[in-house]
């Protein structure tokens, strides 16, 4: 039983590492704002699927790791991902019942909140613009959510992560 538990933790950490890699892949300058929030989507999925094992603490650690990886102000991603995980934890029973298109709309809202918190902290530090283009990753994440959900659910079922 303990061996199965450790394998599940490694699968979750592995998906987060893939999310970190995807969030740092170089893109052409015209597509930078089109990058989905991979780590936020992965956090939303794992909180929704395994709320008893992946919660606010793991989201905070993931956010700190993303802060270090991106070289951003320490705690920016940690705070925003913690808030997203908290809201997902509150809504996880409802989210699991929604069809994928409604889940995608909720992902739009949750990632939008993630982006708003991140933008707010950037504005406090004086390093942001006045445009609303920072919300574009929320729309792209919502469009990609059905595929992310199906892939992560397939991984969870294949490796029996419970």
C-alpha atoms as a PDB file:
ATOM      1  CA  UNK A   1       0.000   0.000   0.000  1.00  0.00           C
ATOM      2  CA  UNK A   2       2.810   2.423   0.859  1.00  0.00           C
ATOM      3  CA  UNK A   3       4.509   1.626  -2.449  1.00  0.00           C
ATOM      4  CA  UNK A   4       1.331   2.544  -4.332  1.00  0.00           C
ATOM      5  CA  UNK A   5       1.063   5.822  -2.365  1.00  0.00           C
ATOM      6  CA  UNK A   6       4.656   6.784  -3.225  1.00  0.00           C
ATOM      7  CA  UNK A   7       4.048   5.980  -6.896  1.00  0.00           C
ATOM      8  CA  UNK A   8       1.045   8.295  -6.900  1.00  0.00           C
ATOM      9  CA  UNK A   9       3.085  11.128  -5.416  1.00  0.00           C
ATOM     10  CA  UNK A  10       5.737  10.629  -8.080  1.00  0.00           C
ATOM     11  CA  UNK A  11       3.103  10.753 -10.839  1.00  0.00           C
ATOM     12  CA  UNK A  12       1.673  14.018  -9.469  1.00  0.00           C
ATOM     13  CA  UNK A  13       5.157  15.530  -9.134  1.00  0.00           C
ATOM     14  CA  UNK A  14       6.011  14.308 -12.634  1.00  0.00           C
ATOM     15  CA  UNK A  15       2.987  16.043 -14.129  1.00  0.00           C
ATOM     16  CA  UNK A  16       3.930  19.226 -12.292  1.00  0.00           C
ATOM     17  CA  UNK A  17       7.468  19.011 -13.675  1.00  0.00           C
ATOM     18  CA  UNK A  18       6.022  18.654 -17.171  1.00  0.00           C
ATOM     19  CA  UNK A  19       3.896  21.731 -16.446  1.00  0.00           C
ATOM     20  CA  UNK A  20       7.016  23.630 -15.319  1.00  0.00           C
ATOM     21  CA  UNK A  21       8.798  22.649 -18.532  1.00  0.00           C
ATOM     22  CA  UNK A  22       5.843  23.677 -20.710  1.00  0.00           C
ATOM     23  CA  UNK A  23       5.585  26.998 -18.886  1.00  0.00           C
ATOM     24  CA  UNK A  24       9.235  27.779 -19.685  1.00  0.00           C
ATOM     25  CA  UNK A  25       9.426  26.614 -23.299  1.00  0.00           C
ATOM     26  CA  UNK A  26      10.498  29.459 -25.545  1.00  0.00           C
ATOM     27  CA  UNK A  27       7.843  30.892 -27.860  1.00  0.00           C
ATOM     28  CA  UNK A  28       8.040  33.439 -30.657  1.00  0.00           C
ATOM     29  CA  UNK A  29       7.435  36.992 -29.427  1.00  0.00           C
ATOM     30  CA  UNK A  30       4.009  37.174 -31.062  1.00  0.00           C
ATOM     31  CA  UNK A  31       2.782  34.106 -29.118  1.00  0.00           C
ATOM     32  CA  UNK A  32       4.096  34.942 -25.645  1.00  0.00           C
ATOM     33  CA  UNK A  33       0.695  36.133 -24.416  1.00  0.00           C
ATOM     34  CA  UNK A  34      -0.972  33.019 -25.868  1.00  0.00           C
ATOM     35  CA  UNK A  35       0.870  30.652 -23.514  1.00  0.00           C
ATOM     36  CA  UNK A  36      -1.624  28.738 -21.351  1.00  0.00           C
ATOM     37  CA  UNK A  37      -1.119  28.539 -17.607  1.00  0.00           C
ATOM     38  CA  UNK A  38       0.013  24.912 -17.551  1.00  0.00           C
ATOM     39  CA  UNK A  39       0.876  24.716 -13.863  1.00  0.00           C
ATOM     40  CA  UNK A  40      -2.406  26.324 -12.827  1.00  0.00           C
ATOM     41  CA  UNK A  41      -4.367  23.825 -14.941  1.00  0.00           C
ATOM     42  CA  UNK A  42      -2.440  20.905 -13.461  1.00  0.00           C
ATOM     43  CA  UNK A  43      -3.024  22.232  -9.941  1.00  0.00           C
ATOM     44  CA  UNK A  44      -6.741  22.611 -10.688  1.00  0.00           C
ATOM     45  CA  UNK A  45      -6.929  19.051 -11.989  1.00  0.00           C
ATOM     46  CA  UNK A  46      -5.141  17.436  -9.055  1.00  0.00           C
ATOM     47  CA  UNK A  47      -7.076  19.431  -6.460  1.00  0.00           C
ATOM     48  CA  UNK A  48     -10.301  18.484  -8.205  1.00  0.00           C
ATOM     49  CA  UNK A  49      -9.385  14.807  -8.641  1.00  0.00           C
ATOM     50  CA  UNK A  50      -7.542  14.184  -5.349  1.00  0.00           C
ATOM     51  CA  UNK A  51      -8.607  16.845  -2.838  1.00  0.00           C
ATOM     52  CA  UNK A  52      -7.501  14.657   0.079  1.00  0.00           C
ATOM     53  CA  UNK A  53      -3.919  14.373  -1.237  1.00  0.00           C
ATOM     54  CA  UNK A  54      -3.267  17.500  -3.278  1.00  0.00           C
ATOM     55  CA  UNK A  55      -4.365  20.682  -1.605  1.00  0.00           C
ATOM     56  CA  UNK A  56      -3.413  24.185  -0.701  1.00  0.00           C
ATOM     57  CA  UNK A  57       0.027  23.247   0.654  1.00  0.00           C
ATOM     58  CA  UNK A  58       1.062  21.467  -2.541  1.00  0.00           C
ATOM     59  CA  UNK A  59      -0.231  24.390  -4.596  1.00  0.00           C
ATOM     60  CA  UNK A  60       1.850  26.773  -2.480  1.00  0.00           C
ATOM     61  CA  UNK A  61       4.993  24.646  -2.934  1.00  0.00           C
ATOM     62  CA  UNK A  62       4.287  24.420  -6.686  1.00  0.00           C
ATOM     63  CA  UNK A  63       3.904  28.197  -6.827  1.00  0.00           C
ATOM     64  CA  UNK A  64       7.182  28.748  -5.000  1.00  0.00           C
ATOM     65  CA  UNK A  65       8.929  26.374  -7.395  1.00  0.00           C
ATOM     66  CA  UNK A  66       7.405  28.280 -10.321  1.00  0.00           C
ATOM     67  CA  UNK A  67       8.575  31.570  -8.798  1.00  0.00           C
ATOM     68  CA  UNK A  68      12.118  30.267  -8.556  1.00  0.00           C
ATOM     69  CA  UNK A  69      11.961  28.786 -12.056  1.00  0.00           C
ATOM     70  CA  UNK A  70      10.638  31.978 -13.668  1.00  0.00           C
ATOM     71  CA  UNK A  71      12.777  34.297 -11.552  1.00  0.00           C
ATOM     72  CA  UNK A  72       9.764  36.301 -10.499  1.00  0.00           C
ATOM     73  CA  UNK A  73       9.147  37.974  -7.171  1.00  0.00           C
ATOM     74  CA  UNK A  74       9.141  35.191  -4.594  1.00  0.00           C
ATOM     75  CA  UNK A  75       5.590  34.390  -3.574  1.00  0.00           C
ATOM     76  CA  UNK A  76       3.714  35.800  -6.574  1.00  0.00           C
ATOM     77  CA  UNK A  77       2.860  32.469  -8.150  1.00  0.00           C
ATOM     78  CA  UNK A  78       2.643  30.843  -4.729  1.00  0.00           C
ATOM     79  CA  UNK A  79      -0.097  33.233  -3.619  1.00  0.00           C
ATOM     80  CA  UNK A  80      -2.053  33.029  -6.862  1.00  0.00           C
ATOM     81  CA  UNK A  81      -1.863  29.222  -7.098  1.00  0.00           C
ATOM     82  CA  UNK A  82      -2.822  28.911  -3.430  1.00  0.00           C
ATOM     83  CA  UNK A  83      -5.923  31.006  -4.056  1.00  0.00           C
ATOM     84  CA  UNK A  84      -6.795  28.933  -7.135  1.00  0.00           C
ATOM     85  CA  UNK A  85      -6.338  25.718  -5.147  1.00  0.00           C
ATOM     86  CA  UNK A  86      -8.496  27.080  -2.320  1.00  0.00           C
ATOM     87  CA  UNK A  87     -11.331  27.987  -4.684  1.00  0.00           C
ATOM     88  CA  UNK A  88     -11.025  24.648  -6.492  1.00  0.00           C
ATOM     89  CA  UNK A  89     -11.097  22.833  -3.153  1.00  0.00           C
ATOM     90  CA  UNK A  90     -14.315  24.620  -2.242  1.00  0.00           C
ATOM     91  CA  UNK A  91     -15.884  23.780  -5.619  1.00  0.00           C
ATOM     92  CA  UNK A  92     -14.340  20.358  -6.322  1.00  0.00           C
ATOM     93  CA  UNK A  93     -17.529  18.322  -5.788  1.00  0.00           C
ATOM     94  CA  UNK A  94     -19.459  20.512  -8.194  1.00  0.00           C
ATOM     95  CA  UNK A  95     -16.635  20.689 -10.716  1.00  0.00           C
ATOM     96  CA  UNK A  96     -16.448  16.907 -10.915  1.00  0.00           C
ATOM     97  CA  UNK A  97     -20.124  16.757 -11.873  1.00  0.00           C
ATOM     98  CA  UNK A  98     -19.904  19.345 -14.667  1.00  0.00           C
ATOM     99  CA  UNK A  99     -19.391  18.316 -18.284  1.00  0.00           C
ATOM    100  CA  UNK A 100     -16.033  19.290 -19.765  1.00  0.00           C
ATOM    101  CA  UNK A 101     -17.283  22.458 -21.435  1.00  0.00           C
ATOM    102  CA  UNK A 102     -18.621  23.767 -18.113  1.00  0.00           C
ATOM    103  CA  UNK A 103     -15.395  22.774 -16.387  1.00  0.00           C
ATOM    104  CA  UNK A 104     -13.575  24.772 -19.078  1.00  0.00           C
ATOM    105  CA  UNK A 105     -15.663  27.828 -18.168  1.00  0.00           C
ATOM    106  CA  UNK A 106     -14.715  27.373 -14.512  1.00  0.00           C
ATOM    107  CA  UNK A 107     -11.067  26.987 -15.522  1.00  0.00           C
ATOM    108  CA  UNK A 108     -11.444  30.288 -17.390  1.00  0.00           C
ATOM    109  CA  UNK A 109     -12.623  31.915 -14.167  1.00  0.00           C
ATOM    110  CA  UNK A 110     -10.014  30.227 -11.934  1.00  0.00           C
ATOM    111  CA  UNK A 111      -7.072  30.939 -14.229  1.00  0.00           C
ATOM    112  CA  UNK A 112      -8.441  34.455 -14.710  1.00  0.00           C
ATOM    113  CA  UNK A 113      -8.334  34.916 -10.929  1.00  0.00           C
ATOM    114  CA  UNK A 114      -4.786  33.533 -10.989  1.00  0.00           C
ATOM    115  CA  UNK A 115      -3.841  36.090 -13.629  1.00  0.00           C
ATOM    116  CA  UNK A 116      -5.568  38.955 -11.798  1.00  0.00           C
ATOM    117  CA  UNK A 117      -3.746  38.204  -8.531  1.00  0.00           C
ATOM    118  CA  UNK A 118      -0.440  37.900 -10.395  1.00  0.00           C
ATOM    119  CA  UNK A 119      -1.108  41.185 -12.241  1.00  0.00           C
ATOM    120  CA  UNK A 120      -2.124  42.918  -9.009  1.00  0.00           C
ATOM    121  CA  UNK A 121       1.130  41.903  -7.291  1.00  0.00           C
ATOM    122  CA  UNK A 122       3.098  43.027 -10.348  1.00  0.00           C
ATOM    123  CA  UNK A 123       1.335  46.397 -10.257  1.00  0.00           C
ATOM    124  CA  UNK A 124       2.272  46.796  -6.596  1.00  0.00           C
ATOM    125  CA  UNK A 125       5.900  46.248  -7.532  1.00  0.00           C
ATOM    126  CA  UNK A 126       5.555  48.711 -10.443  1.00  0.00           C
ATOM    127  CA  UNK A 127       6.315  46.333 -13.298  1.00  0.00           C
ATOM    128  CA  UNK A 128       3.110  46.021 -15.313  1.00  0.00           C
ATOM    129  CA  UNK A 129       1.215  47.666 -18.129  1.00  0.00           C
ATOM    130  CA  UNK A 130      -2.341  48.948 -18.408  1.00  0.00           C
ATOM    131  CA  UNK A 131      -3.576  46.469 -21.002  1.00  0.00           C
ATOM    132  CA  UNK A 132      -5.960  43.568 -20.325  1.00  0.00           C
ATOM    133  CA  UNK A 133      -3.931  41.254 -22.547  1.00  0.00           C
ATOM    134  CA  UNK A 134      -2.671  39.535 -19.389  1.00  0.00           C
ATOM    135  CA  UNK A 135      -6.041  37.705 -19.277  1.00  0.00           C
ATOM    136  CA  UNK A 136      -5.421  36.014 -22.640  1.00  0.00           C
ATOM    137  CA  UNK A 137      -3.747  32.935 -21.050  1.00  0.00           C
ATOM    138  CA  UNK A 138      -6.998  32.296 -19.154  1.00  0.00           C
ATOM    139  CA  UNK A 139      -8.903  31.978 -22.438  1.00  0.00           C
ATOM    140  CA  UNK A 140      -6.252  29.734 -23.977  1.00  0.00           C
ATOM    141  CA  UNK A 141      -6.221  27.568 -20.831  1.00  0.00           C
ATOM    142  CA  UNK A 142     -10.000  27.203 -20.987  1.00  0.00           C
ATOM    143  CA  UNK A 143      -9.812  26.131 -24.625  1.00  0.00           C
ATOM    144  CA  UNK A 144      -7.126  23.534 -23.831  1.00  0.00           C
ATOM    145  CA  UNK A 145      -8.781  22.292 -20.604  1.00  0.00           C
ATOM    146  CA  UNK A 146     -10.721  19.350 -22.145  1.00  0.00           C
ATOM    147  CA  UNK A 147      -7.508  17.873 -23.553  1.00  0.00           C
ATOM    148  CA  UNK A 148      -5.526  18.514 -20.370  1.00  0.00           C
ATOM    149  CA  UNK A 149      -8.306  16.909 -18.328  1.00  0.00           C
ATOM    150  CA  UNK A 150      -8.503  13.813 -20.535  1.00  0.00           C
ATOM    151  CA  UNK A 151      -4.704  13.365 -20.553  1.00  0.00           C
ATOM    152  CA  UNK A 152      -4.325  13.774 -16.783  1.00  0.00           C
ATOM    153  CA  UNK A 153      -7.325  11.527 -16.095  1.00  0.00           C
ATOM    154  CA  UNK A 154      -5.795   8.895 -18.371  1.00  0.00           C
ATOM    155  CA  UNK A 155      -2.498   9.148 -16.481  1.00  0.00           C
ATOM    156  CA  UNK A 156      -4.306   8.930 -13.135  1.00  0.00           C
ATOM    157  CA  UNK A 157      -6.266   5.850 -14.205  1.00  0.00           C
ATOM    158  CA  UNK A 158      -3.330   4.133 -15.898  1.00  0.00           C
ATOM    159  CA  UNK A 159      -1.111   4.439 -12.838  1.00  0.00           C
ATOM    160  CA  UNK A 160      -3.963   3.956 -10.315  1.00  0.00           C
ATOM    161  CA  UNK A 161      -3.325   7.223  -8.502  1.00  0.00           C
ATOM    162  CA  UNK A 162      -5.883   7.481  -5.721  1.00  0.00           C
END
